Amino acid sequence: MTDAYQIDIPASFFAVYTNARQRLSEPIGVVRARYEICEDLANHLVGHAQLQHHTEVPVESEILRRIHAGLATPDAGVLPAEAAWIVQRLAELLDWPRPALDAPSPSHPDFPESDR
């Protein structure tokens, strides 16, 4: 049986779910679902970041830092490593310099197994 999944997941997102042995730490279906959520969120944040840039915070790195701080909270619904990926992707979509962010391990105690 062939895999009919049409969306290419970038290596940078696979890295969020790859363990030290270079194997996925979650089933591919989970990784795909999480990728779609994270990619959608990054795209959704483009307008917010542009608005912030033009009205309140002219420094791109500060906008990205603030967005990352919001996404890195347990209530955000994304893993800390996913939060870092989302902000890196957001910078790419905006054509802004990529911020230096710490990307914690994908297994995070604040992220319930049932949500993954």
N, C-alpha and C. Protein backbone atom coordinates (compact mmCIF):
# COMPACT_ATOMS: atom_id res chain seq x y z
N MET A 1 0.85 -1.17 0.00
CA MET A 1 0.00 0.00 0.00
C MET A 1 0.90 1.24 0.00
N THR A 2 0.57 2.21 -0.82
CA THR A 2 1.36 3.43 -0.90
C THR A 2 0.83 4.48 0.06
N ASP A 3 1.69 5.39 0.39
CA ASP A 3 1.32 6.48 1.28
C ASP A 3 0.81 7.64 0.43
N ALA A 4 -0.47 7.98 0.57
CA ALA A 4 -1.09 8.99 -0.28
C ALA A 4 -1.01 10.39 0.32
N TYR A 5 -0.22 10.56 1.35
CA TYR A 5 -0.09 11.87 1.99
C TYR A 5 0.60 12.83 1.03
N GLN A 6 0.00 13.99 0.78
CA GLN A 6 0.48 14.91 -0.25
C GLN A 6 1.37 16.04 0.26
N ILE A 7 1.40 16.28 1.55
CA ILE A 7 2.16 17.41 2.09
C ILE A 7 3.55 16.96 2.49
N ASP A 8 4.57 17.67 2.00
CA ASP A 8 5.95 17.37 2.38
C ASP A 8 6.26 18.04 3.71
N ILE A 9 6.69 17.26 4.66
CA ILE A 9 7.09 17.79 5.96
C ILE A 9 8.57 18.10 5.87
N PRO A 10 8.96 19.34 6.19
CA PRO A 10 10.38 19.69 6.09
C PRO A 10 11.23 18.98 7.15
N ALA A 11 12.48 18.79 6.82
CA ALA A 11 13.41 18.14 7.76
C ALA A 11 13.48 18.89 9.09
N SER A 12 13.33 20.21 9.04
CA SER A 12 13.39 20.99 10.28
C SER A 12 12.28 20.60 11.24
N PHE A 13 11.11 20.21 10.71
CA PHE A 13 10.03 19.79 11.61
C PHE A 13 10.25 18.35 12.05
N PHE A 14 10.71 17.50 11.16
CA PHE A 14 11.02 16.13 11.58
C PHE A 14 12.01 16.14 12.74
N ALA A 15 12.93 17.11 12.74
CA ALA A 15 13.93 17.20 13.82
C ALA A 15 13.28 17.41 15.18
N VAL A 16 12.12 18.05 15.21
CA VAL A 16 11.40 18.25 16.47
C VAL A 16 11.00 16.91 17.07
N TYR A 17 10.74 15.93 16.24
CA TYR A 17 10.28 14.62 16.68
C TYR A 17 11.28 13.50 16.45
N THR A 18 12.53 13.84 16.26
CA THR A 18 13.56 12.83 16.04
C THR A 18 14.40 12.69 17.31
N ASN A 19 14.60 11.44 17.74
CA ASN A 19 15.37 11.21 18.95
C ASN A 19 16.86 11.11 18.62
N ALA A 20 17.65 10.83 19.64
CA ALA A 20 19.11 10.77 19.47
C ALA A 20 19.54 9.67 18.50
N ARG A 21 18.72 8.66 18.33
CA ARG A 21 19.03 7.57 17.40
C ARG A 21 18.52 7.86 16.00
N GLN A 22 18.07 9.09 15.75
CA GLN A 22 17.57 9.52 14.44
C GLN A 22 16.30 8.77 14.04
N ARG A 23 15.48 8.46 15.03
CA ARG A 23 14.19 7.82 14.77
C ARG A 23 13.08 8.72 15.30
N LEU A 24 11.94 8.64 14.67
CA LEU A 24 10.80 9.43 15.13
C LEU A 24 10.38 8.96 16.51
N SER A 25 10.12 9.92 17.38
CA SER A 25 9.70 9.61 18.74
C SER A 25 8.18 9.44 18.83
N GLU A 26 7.48 9.73 17.76
CA GLU A 26 6.02 9.57 17.68
C GLU A 26 5.69 8.92 16.34
N PRO A 27 4.53 8.29 16.24
CA PRO A 27 4.11 7.72 14.95
C PRO A 27 4.00 8.81 13.88
N ILE A 28 4.23 8.45 12.65
CA ILE A 28 4.22 9.41 11.55
C ILE A 28 2.89 10.15 11.46
N GLY A 29 1.80 9.50 11.76
CA GLY A 29 0.50 10.17 11.72
C GLY A 29 0.42 11.32 12.72
N VAL A 30 1.00 11.13 13.89
CA VAL A 30 1.03 12.19 14.90
C VAL A 30 1.91 13.34 14.42
N VAL A 31 3.07 13.00 13.86
CA VAL A 31 3.98 14.03 13.36
C VAL A 31 3.31 14.84 12.25
N ARG A 32 2.61 14.16 11.36
CA ARG A 32 1.90 14.86 10.28
C ARG A 32 0.85 15.81 10.83
N ALA A 33 0.06 15.33 11.77
CA ALA A 33 -0.99 16.17 12.36
C ALA A 33 -0.40 17.37 13.07
N ARG A 34 0.67 17.15 13.82
CA ARG A 34 1.31 18.25 14.55
C ARG A 34 1.93 19.25 13.56
N TYR A 35 2.52 18.74 12.47
CA TYR A 35 3.09 19.63 11.46
C TYR A 35 2.02 20.53 10.88
N GLU A 36 0.88 19.97 10.54
CA GLU A 36 -0.19 20.77 9.94
C GLU A 36 -0.66 21.85 10.92
N ILE A 37 -0.77 21.52 12.18
CA ILE A 37 -1.16 22.51 13.19
C ILE A 37 -0.11 23.61 13.29
N CYS A 38 1.14 23.22 13.37
CA CYS A 38 2.22 24.20 13.53
C CYS A 38 2.39 25.09 12.29
N GLU A 39 2.29 24.49 11.12
CA GLU A 39 2.39 25.28 9.88
C GLU A 39 1.22 26.25 9.78
N ASP A 40 0.02 25.79 10.09
CA ASP A 40 -1.15 26.68 10.06
C ASP A 40 -0.98 27.83 11.06
N LEU A 41 -0.49 27.52 12.24
CA LEU A 41 -0.29 28.55 13.25
C LEU A 41 0.75 29.58 12.80
N ALA A 42 1.85 29.12 12.21
CA ALA A 42 2.86 30.05 11.70
C ALA A 42 2.27 30.97 10.65
N ASN A 43 1.50 30.41 9.74
CA ASN A 43 0.86 31.23 8.70
C ASN A 43 -0.15 32.20 9.29
N HIS A 44 -0.88 31.76 10.28
CA HIS A 44 -1.86 32.62 10.94
C HIS A 44 -1.17 33.79 11.65
N LEU A 45 0.01 33.56 12.19
CA LEU A 45 0.72 34.60 12.94
C LEU A 45 1.38 35.66 12.06
N VAL A 46 1.45 35.44 10.76
CA VAL A 46 2.07 36.41 9.86
C VAL A 46 1.39 37.77 9.99
N GLY A 47 0.09 37.81 9.90
CA GLY A 47 -0.64 39.08 9.99
C GLY A 47 -0.45 39.76 11.33
N HIS A 48 -0.47 38.97 12.40
CA HIS A 48 -0.27 39.53 13.74
C HIS A 48 1.12 40.16 13.86
N ALA A 49 2.13 39.45 13.38
CA ALA A 49 3.50 39.97 13.46
C ALA A 49 3.67 41.24 12.62
N GLN A 50 3.08 41.24 11.44
CA GLN A 50 3.18 42.44 10.59
C GLN A 50 2.48 43.63 11.23
N LEU A 51 1.34 43.40 11.84
CA LEU A 51 0.62 44.47 12.53
C LEU A 51 1.46 45.00 13.68
N GLN A 52 2.05 44.12 14.46
CA GLN A 52 2.91 44.54 15.56
C GLN A 52 4.09 45.37 15.04
N HIS A 53 4.65 44.94 13.94
CA HIS A 53 5.82 45.62 13.36
C HIS A 53 5.47 47.03 12.91
N HIS A 54 4.28 47.22 12.40
CA HIS A 54 3.90 48.53 11.87
C HIS A 54 3.26 49.45 12.90
N THR A 55 2.82 48.89 14.03
CA THR A 55 2.10 49.74 14.98
C THR A 55 2.76 49.88 16.34
N GLU A 56 3.31 48.78 16.87
CA GLU A 56 3.77 48.83 18.25
C GLU A 56 5.26 48.55 18.45
N VAL A 57 5.77 47.54 17.79
CA VAL A 57 7.14 47.08 18.03
C VAL A 57 7.89 47.05 16.71
N PRO A 58 8.72 48.05 16.45
CA PRO A 58 9.41 48.09 15.15
C PRO A 58 10.57 47.08 15.02
N VAL A 59 10.97 46.44 16.10
CA VAL A 59 12.12 45.53 16.06
C VAL A 59 11.63 44.10 15.82
N GLU A 60 12.00 43.55 14.70
CA GLU A 60 11.53 42.22 14.30
C GLU A 60 11.89 41.14 15.32
N SER A 61 13.11 41.17 15.81
CA SER A 61 13.54 40.14 16.76
C SER A 61 12.72 40.20 18.05
N GLU A 62 12.32 41.37 18.47
CA GLU A 62 11.51 41.51 19.68
C GLU A 62 10.10 40.94 19.46
N ILE A 63 9.55 41.17 18.30
CA ILE A 63 8.23 40.60 17.98
C ILE A 63 8.31 39.08 18.03
N LEU A 64 9.32 38.52 17.39
CA LEU A 64 9.47 37.07 17.37
C LEU A 64 9.73 36.53 18.77
N ARG A 65 10.49 37.23 19.57
CA ARG A 65 10.76 36.80 20.95
C ARG A 65 9.46 36.78 21.76
N ARG A 66 8.63 37.80 21.59
CA ARG A 66 7.36 37.86 22.32
C ARG A 66 6.40 36.76 21.88
N ILE A 67 6.34 36.51 20.60
CA ILE A 67 5.48 35.44 20.10
C ILE A 67 5.96 34.11 20.64
N HIS A 68 7.28 33.91 20.63
CA HIS A 68 7.83 32.66 21.17
C HIS A 68 7.50 32.51 22.65
N ALA A 69 7.61 33.59 23.41
CA ALA A 69 7.29 33.53 24.84
C ALA A 69 5.84 33.11 25.05
N GLY A 70 4.95 33.61 24.23
CA GLY A 70 3.55 33.21 24.34
C GLY A 70 3.31 31.76 23.96
N LEU A 71 3.99 31.30 22.91
CA LEU A 71 3.81 29.93 22.46
C LEU A 71 4.49 28.92 23.38
N ALA A 72 5.48 29.34 24.13
CA ALA A 72 6.24 28.44 24.99
C ALA A 72 5.55 28.14 26.32
N THR A 73 4.41 28.76 26.56
CA THR A 73 3.68 28.49 27.80
C THR A 73 2.90 27.18 27.67
N PRO A 74 2.69 26.47 28.78
CA PRO A 74 1.95 25.21 28.71
C PRO A 74 0.54 25.37 28.15
N ASP A 75 -0.08 26.51 28.36
CA ASP A 75 -1.45 26.72 27.88
C ASP A 75 -1.54 26.94 26.37
N ALA A 76 -0.43 27.11 25.68
CA ALA A 76 -0.45 27.40 24.25
C ALA A 76 -0.86 26.18 23.42
N GLY A 77 -0.70 24.99 23.96
CA GLY A 77 -1.11 23.79 23.23
C GLY A 77 -0.08 23.24 22.27
N VAL A 78 1.13 23.78 22.31
CA VAL A 78 2.21 23.24 21.49
C VAL A 78 3.40 22.91 22.39
N LEU A 79 4.18 21.96 21.97
CA LEU A 79 5.39 21.63 22.69
C LEU A 79 6.37 22.80 22.62
N PRO A 80 7.26 22.94 23.58
CA PRO A 80 8.26 24.00 23.49
C PRO A 80 9.10 23.92 22.21
N ALA A 81 9.44 22.72 21.79
CA ALA A 81 10.22 22.57 20.55
C ALA A 81 9.39 22.98 19.34
N GLU A 82 8.08 22.71 19.38
CA GLU A 82 7.20 23.15 18.31
C GLU A 82 7.10 24.67 18.31
N ALA A 83 7.05 25.29 19.49
CA ALA A 83 6.99 26.75 19.58
C ALA A 83 8.20 27.37 18.90
N ALA A 84 9.36 26.81 19.16
CA ALA A 84 10.58 27.32 18.52
C ALA A 84 10.50 27.14 17.01
N TRP A 85 10.01 25.99 16.56
CA TRP A 85 9.88 25.75 15.11
C TRP A 85 8.90 26.74 14.50
N ILE A 86 7.77 26.98 15.15
CA ILE A 86 6.76 27.91 14.63
C ILE A 86 7.36 29.29 14.45
N VAL A 87 8.13 29.76 15.42
CA VAL A 87 8.72 31.10 15.32
C VAL A 87 9.78 31.14 14.23
N GLN A 88 10.55 30.08 14.09
CA GLN A 88 11.53 30.03 13.00
C GLN A 88 10.82 30.05 11.64
N ARG A 89 9.73 29.32 11.54
CA ARG A 89 8.95 29.29 10.29
C ARG A 89 8.31 30.65 10.04
N LEU A 90 7.81 31.28 11.09
CA LEU A 90 7.23 32.62 10.96
C LEU A 90 8.27 33.60 10.42
N ALA A 91 9.46 33.56 10.96
CA ALA A 91 10.54 34.44 10.46
C ALA A 91 10.79 34.18 8.99
N GLU A 92 10.77 32.92 8.59
CA GLU A 92 10.97 32.56 7.19
C GLU A 92 9.85 33.13 6.31
N LEU A 93 8.62 32.98 6.76
CA LEU A 93 7.47 33.48 5.99
C LEU A 93 7.50 35.01 5.84
N LEU A 94 8.01 35.69 6.88
CA LEU A 94 8.07 37.15 6.86
C LEU A 94 9.34 37.68 6.19
N ASP A 95 10.26 36.77 5.90
CA ASP A 95 11.58 37.14 5.37
C ASP A 95 12.33 38.04 6.36
N TRP A 96 12.23 37.67 7.63
CA TRP A 96 12.94 38.35 8.72
C TRP A 96 14.11 37.46 9.14
N PRO A 97 15.12 38.04 9.76
CA PRO A 97 16.22 37.21 10.27
C PRO A 97 15.69 36.19 11.28
N ARG A 98 16.22 35.00 11.20
CA ARG A 98 15.79 33.94 12.10
C ARG A 98 16.34 34.19 13.50
N PRO A 99 15.49 34.17 14.49
CA PRO A 99 15.96 34.42 15.85
C PRO A 99 16.67 33.20 16.43
N ALA A 100 17.54 33.44 17.38
CA ALA A 100 18.19 32.35 18.10
C ALA A 100 17.29 31.99 19.27
N LEU A 101 16.73 30.80 19.22
CA LEU A 101 15.81 30.34 20.26
C LEU A 101 16.28 29.00 20.78
N ASP A 102 16.06 28.77 22.05
CA ASP A 102 16.34 27.46 22.62
C ASP A 102 15.19 26.54 22.27
N ALA A 103 15.49 25.38 21.74
CA ALA A 103 14.46 24.40 21.40
C ALA A 103 14.59 23.21 22.34
N PRO A 104 13.74 23.14 23.36
CA PRO A 104 13.81 22.03 24.31
C PRO A 104 13.46 20.70 23.66
N SER A 105 13.66 19.67 24.41
CA SER A 105 13.34 18.32 23.97
C SER A 105 11.86 18.19 23.63
N PRO A 106 11.52 17.40 22.59
CA PRO A 106 10.11 17.26 22.22
C PRO A 106 9.26 16.59 23.29
N SER A 107 9.85 15.78 24.16
CA SER A 107 9.05 15.17 25.22
C SER A 107 9.01 16.14 26.39
N HIS A 108 7.89 16.74 26.60
CA HIS A 108 7.74 17.79 27.59
C HIS A 108 6.68 17.35 28.60
N PRO A 109 6.97 17.43 29.91
CA PRO A 109 6.02 16.94 30.90
C PRO A 109 4.70 17.71 30.93
N ASP A 110 4.68 18.94 30.45
CA ASP A 110 3.45 19.73 30.47
C ASP A 110 2.54 19.43 29.29
N PHE A 111 2.96 18.57 28.38
CA PHE A 111 2.17 18.27 27.20
C PHE A 111 1.62 16.86 27.35
N PRO A 112 0.33 16.73 27.66
CA PRO A 112 -0.22 15.40 27.93
C PRO A 112 -0.08 14.45 26.75
N GLU A 113 0.23 13.20 27.05
CA GLU A 113 0.37 12.18 26.01
C GLU A 113 -0.89 12.08 25.16
N SER A 114 -2.05 12.25 25.77
CA SER A 114 -3.29 12.11 25.02
C SER A 114 -3.48 13.20 23.97
N ASP A 115 -2.78 14.32 24.12
CA ASP A 115 -2.90 15.40 23.16
C ASP A 115 -1.94 15.26 21.99
N ARG A 116 -1.00 14.33 22.08
CA ARG A 116 0.00 14.20 21.03
C ARG A 116 -0.45 13.30 19.94
